[in-house]
Amino acid sequence: MIVGIPISFVSPTEGSIREQPLIPLFYGSIAGIIIIFFYSGYKERKRKQEERRKRRSKK
């Protein structure tokens, strides 16, 4: 996804800057990065909740 951002501005076949950048590719890459960021935070919170539950149940 990070590679998609520069590709939206630079043509990979010619190596020149595009006159009109590929806007869907640019915003799609940014949206994918944001989704991965939030999902990893969500998974981490769930893991910590499970650890807390296990610690509380041992007492």
C-alpha atoms as a PDB file:
ATOM      1  CA  MET A   1       0.000   0.000   0.000  1.00  0.00           C
ATOM      2  CA  ILE A   2       2.826   2.371   0.733  1.00  0.00           C
ATOM      3  CA  VAL A   3       4.200   1.637  -2.744  1.00  0.00           C
ATOM      4  CA  GLY A   4       0.848   2.546  -4.283  1.00  0.00           C
ATOM      5  CA  ILE A   5       1.095   6.163  -3.182  1.00  0.00           C
ATOM      6  CA  PRO A   6       4.166   7.046  -5.285  1.00  0.00           C
ATOM      7  CA  ILE A   7       2.879   4.929  -8.192  1.00  0.00           C
ATOM      8  CA  SER A   8      -0.229   7.107  -8.285  1.00  0.00           C
ATOM      9  CA  PHE A   9       2.000  10.118  -9.065  1.00  0.00           C
ATOM     10  CA  VAL A  10       4.810   8.504 -11.117  1.00  0.00           C
ATOM     11  CA  SER A  11       4.335   6.259 -14.126  1.00  0.00           C
ATOM     12  CA  PRO A  12       6.260   3.024 -13.430  1.00  0.00           C
ATOM     13  CA  THR A  13       6.782   2.247 -17.118  1.00  0.00           C
ATOM     14  CA  GLU A  14       8.062   5.671 -18.171  1.00  0.00           C
ATOM     15  CA  GLY A  15       9.432   7.003 -14.882  1.00  0.00           C
ATOM     16  CA  SER A  16       7.888  10.404 -15.460  1.00  0.00           C
ATOM     17  CA  ILE A  17       5.469  12.300 -13.260  1.00  0.00           C
ATOM     18  CA  ARG A  18       1.865  11.870 -14.349  1.00  0.00           C
ATOM     19  CA  GLU A  19      -0.061  14.922 -15.491  1.00  0.00           C
ATOM     20  CA  GLN A  20      -3.129  13.674 -13.631  1.00  0.00           C
ATOM     21  CA  PRO A  21      -2.356  11.413 -10.650  1.00  0.00           C
ATOM     22  CA  LEU A  22      -4.393   8.252 -10.146  1.00  0.00           C
ATOM     23  CA  ILE A  23      -6.605   9.558  -7.355  1.00  0.00           C
ATOM     24  CA  PRO A  24      -8.412   6.233  -6.600  1.00  0.00           C
ATOM     25  CA  LEU A  25      -5.062   4.473  -6.160  1.00  0.00           C
ATOM     26  CA  PHE A  26      -3.779   7.254  -3.893  1.00  0.00           C
ATOM     27  CA  TYR A  27      -6.823   7.374  -1.623  1.00  0.00           C
ATOM     28  CA  GLY A  28      -7.223   3.595  -1.707  1.00  0.00           C
ATOM     29  CA  SER A  29      -3.670   3.189  -0.429  1.00  0.00           C
ATOM     30  CA  ILE A  30      -4.229   5.703   2.342  1.00  0.00           C
ATOM     31  CA  ALA A  31      -7.513   4.035   3.315  1.00  0.00           C
ATOM     32  CA  GLY A  32      -5.800   0.636   3.447  1.00  0.00           C
ATOM     33  CA  ILE A  33      -3.056   1.967   5.706  1.00  0.00           C
ATOM     34  CA  ILE A  34      -5.648   3.512   8.049  1.00  0.00           C
ATOM     35  CA  ILE A  35      -7.683   0.293   8.163  1.00  0.00           C
ATOM     36  CA  ILE A  36      -4.598  -1.775   9.008  1.00  0.00           C
ATOM     37  CA  PHE A  37      -3.601   0.745  11.688  1.00  0.00           C
ATOM     38  CA  PHE A  38      -7.007   0.650  13.392  1.00  0.00           C
ATOM     39  CA  TYR A  39      -7.371  -3.123  13.065  1.00  0.00           C
ATOM     40  CA  SER A  40      -3.990  -3.761  14.685  1.00  0.00           C
ATOM     41  CA  GLY A  41      -4.954  -1.445  17.558  1.00  0.00           C
ATOM     42  CA  TYR A  42      -8.249  -3.305  17.919  1.00  0.00           C
ATOM     43  CA  LYS A  43      -6.498  -6.677  18.033  1.00  0.00           C
ATOM     44  CA  GLU A  44      -4.032  -5.396  20.642  1.00  0.00           C
ATOM     45  CA  ARG A  45      -6.863  -4.148  22.878  1.00  0.00           C
ATOM     46  CA  LYS A  46      -8.648  -7.493  22.607  1.00  0.00           C
ATOM     47  CA  ARG A  47      -5.445  -9.348  23.500  1.00  0.00           C
ATOM     48  CA  LYS A  48      -4.874  -7.153  26.558  1.00  0.00           C
ATOM     49  CA  GLN A  49      -8.480  -7.618  27.684  1.00  0.00           C
ATOM     50  CA  GLU A  50      -8.060 -11.382  27.450  1.00  0.00           C
ATOM     51  CA  GLU A  51      -4.826 -11.228  29.471  1.00  0.00           C
ATOM     52  CA  ARG A  52      -6.537  -9.136  32.147  1.00  0.00           C
ATOM     53  CA  ARG A  53      -9.413 -11.616  32.306  1.00  0.00           C
ATOM     54  CA  LYS A  54      -6.998 -14.520  32.772  1.00  0.00           C
ATOM     55  CA  ARG A  55      -5.093 -12.670  35.542  1.00  0.00           C
ATOM     56  CA  ARG A  56      -8.296 -11.828  37.392  1.00  0.00           C
ATOM     57  CA  SER A  57      -9.644 -15.366  37.180  1.00  0.00           C
ATOM     58  CA  LYS A  58      -6.432 -16.830  38.690  1.00  0.00           C
ATOM     59  CA  LYS A  59      -6.869 -14.919  41.961  1.00  0.00           C
END
